[in-house]
Amino acid sequence: MTDNAPTARYGCRPARIQPGDYELPARIPLTQAGRIKPEAVVSHRFPSPKARQRTNCSTAAPPGRKILLDHTR
């Protein structure tokens, strides 16, 4: 990609991150109300310093599930 848009890797292919893709404040009330269930899509959770472990684990994650890097730990 030639522009400066950030990208993230999901599986083996990069995905473009667009403004608004991660508007967490809008999703917090939905999660608190039980309308969004993060446990349904998160297969593993790692603190950021252990991000390298994620690469070993990502191929073992069930289809449709993602690994969460927790920057608060």
C-alpha atoms as a PDB file:
ATOM      1  CA  MET A   1       0.000   0.000   0.000  1.00  0.00           C
ATOM      2  CA  THR A   2       1.351   3.381  -0.884  1.00  0.00           C
ATOM      3  CA  ASP A   3      -0.582   5.636   1.504  1.00  0.00           C
ATOM      4  CA  ASN A   4      -0.060   6.027   5.235  1.00  0.00           C
ATOM      5  CA  ALA A   5      -3.235   4.205   6.315  1.00  0.00           C
ATOM      6  CA  PRO A   6      -2.485   1.782   9.145  1.00  0.00           C
ATOM      7  CA  THR A   7      -2.892  -1.892   8.478  1.00  0.00           C
ATOM      8  CA  ALA A   8      -3.320  -4.894  10.732  1.00  0.00           C
ATOM      9  CA  ARG A   9      -2.803  -8.554  10.025  1.00  0.00           C
ATOM     10  CA  TYR A  10      -5.639 -10.998  10.424  1.00  0.00           C
ATOM     11  CA  GLY A  11      -4.505 -14.491   9.627  1.00  0.00           C
ATOM     12  CA  CYS A  12      -2.258 -14.309   6.587  1.00  0.00           C
ATOM     13  CA  ARG A  13      -3.674 -11.242   4.873  1.00  0.00           C
ATOM     14  CA  PRO A  14      -3.444  -7.584   5.902  1.00  0.00           C
ATOM     15  CA  ALA A  15      -6.638  -5.691   6.609  1.00  0.00           C
ATOM     16  CA  ARG A  16      -6.961  -1.934   6.275  1.00  0.00           C
ATOM     17  CA  ILE A  17      -7.971  -0.103   9.435  1.00  0.00           C
ATOM     18  CA  GLN A  18     -10.478   2.605   8.611  1.00  0.00           C
ATOM     19  CA  PRO A  19     -11.521   5.515  10.841  1.00  0.00           C
ATOM     20  CA  GLY A  20     -14.413   4.339  12.972  1.00  0.00           C
ATOM     21  CA  ASP A  21     -13.508   0.643  12.855  1.00  0.00           C
ATOM     22  CA  TYR A  22     -12.658   0.629  16.533  1.00  0.00           C
ATOM     23  CA  GLU A  23     -15.077   3.070  18.148  1.00  0.00           C
ATOM     24  CA  LEU A  24     -15.034   1.366  21.528  1.00  0.00           C
ATOM     25  CA  PRO A  25     -16.852   4.055  23.550  1.00  0.00           C
ATOM     26  CA  ALA A  26     -19.961   3.525  21.410  1.00  0.00           C
ATOM     27  CA  ARG A  27     -19.768  -0.226  21.967  1.00  0.00           C
ATOM     28  CA  ILE A  28     -19.268  -0.184  25.747  1.00  0.00           C
ATOM     29  CA  PRO A  29     -22.977   0.358  26.595  1.00  0.00           C
ATOM     30  CA  LEU A  30     -23.933  -2.411  24.159  1.00  0.00           C
ATOM     31  CA  THR A  31     -21.496  -4.769  25.872  1.00  0.00           C
ATOM     32  CA  GLN A  32     -22.735  -3.765  29.328  1.00  0.00           C
ATOM     33  CA  ALA A  33     -26.317  -4.404  28.207  1.00  0.00           C
ATOM     34  CA  GLY A  34     -25.330  -7.878  27.004  1.00  0.00           C
ATOM     35  CA  ARG A  35     -26.016  -7.126  23.328  1.00  0.00           C
ATOM     36  CA  ILE A  36     -22.366  -7.657  22.339  1.00  0.00           C
ATOM     37  CA  LYS A  37     -20.580 -10.720  23.712  1.00  0.00           C
ATOM     38  CA  PRO A  38     -16.789 -10.388  23.299  1.00  0.00           C
ATOM     39  CA  GLU A  39     -16.242 -13.922  24.600  1.00  0.00           C
ATOM     40  CA  ALA A  40     -17.974 -15.210  21.472  1.00  0.00           C
ATOM     41  CA  VAL A  41     -15.214 -13.904  19.208  1.00  0.00           C
ATOM     42  CA  VAL A  42     -12.075 -13.789  21.389  1.00  0.00           C
ATOM     43  CA  SER A  43     -10.246 -17.106  21.591  1.00  0.00           C
ATOM     44  CA  HIS A  44      -7.121 -15.950  23.457  1.00  0.00           C
ATOM     45  CA  ARG A  45      -6.047 -12.883  25.422  1.00  0.00           C
ATOM     46  CA  PHE A  46      -2.430 -11.806  25.850  1.00  0.00           C
ATOM     47  CA  PRO A  47      -0.777  -8.800  27.471  1.00  0.00           C
ATOM     48  CA  SER A  48       1.013  -6.693  24.856  1.00  0.00           C
ATOM     49  CA  PRO A  49       4.546  -7.728  25.898  1.00  0.00           C
ATOM     50  CA  LYS A  50       3.654 -11.334  25.020  1.00  0.00           C
ATOM     51  CA  ALA A  51       2.496 -10.482  21.504  1.00  0.00           C
ATOM     52  CA  ARG A  52       4.996 -12.932  20.021  1.00  0.00           C
ATOM     53  CA  GLN A  53       3.087 -15.804  21.626  1.00  0.00           C
ATOM     54  CA  ARG A  54       0.103 -14.721  19.558  1.00  0.00           C
ATOM     55  CA  THR A  55       1.789 -15.835  16.366  1.00  0.00           C
ATOM     56  CA  ASN A  56       2.121 -19.361  17.733  1.00  0.00           C
ATOM     57  CA  CYS A  57      -1.485 -19.375  18.836  1.00  0.00           C
ATOM     58  CA  SER A  58      -3.199 -17.673  15.892  1.00  0.00           C
ATOM     59  CA  THR A  59      -3.255 -20.745  13.710  1.00  0.00           C
ATOM     60  CA  ALA A  60      -4.878 -22.725  16.526  1.00  0.00           C
ATOM     61  CA  ALA A  61      -7.734 -20.240  17.026  1.00  0.00           C
ATOM     62  CA  PRO A  62     -11.099 -21.565  15.863  1.00  0.00           C
ATOM     63  CA  PRO A  63     -12.445 -20.013  12.635  1.00  0.00           C
ATOM     64  CA  GLY A  64     -14.192 -16.704  13.248  1.00  0.00           C
ATOM     65  CA  ARG A  65     -12.382 -16.046  16.512  1.00  0.00           C
ATOM     66  CA  LYS A  66      -9.702 -13.450  17.153  1.00  0.00           C
ATOM     67  CA  ILE A  67      -6.846 -13.015  19.587  1.00  0.00           C
ATOM     68  CA  LEU A  68      -6.961  -9.916  21.791  1.00  0.00           C
ATOM     69  CA  LEU A  69      -3.792  -8.045  22.749  1.00  0.00           C
ATOM     70  CA  ASP A  70      -4.580  -6.338  26.048  1.00  0.00           C
ATOM     71  CA  HIS A  71      -2.624  -3.087  26.351  1.00  0.00           C
ATOM     72  CA  THR A  72      -3.812  -2.571  29.940  1.00  0.00           C
ATOM     73  CA  ARG A  73      -1.830  -5.532  31.307  1.00  0.00           C
END
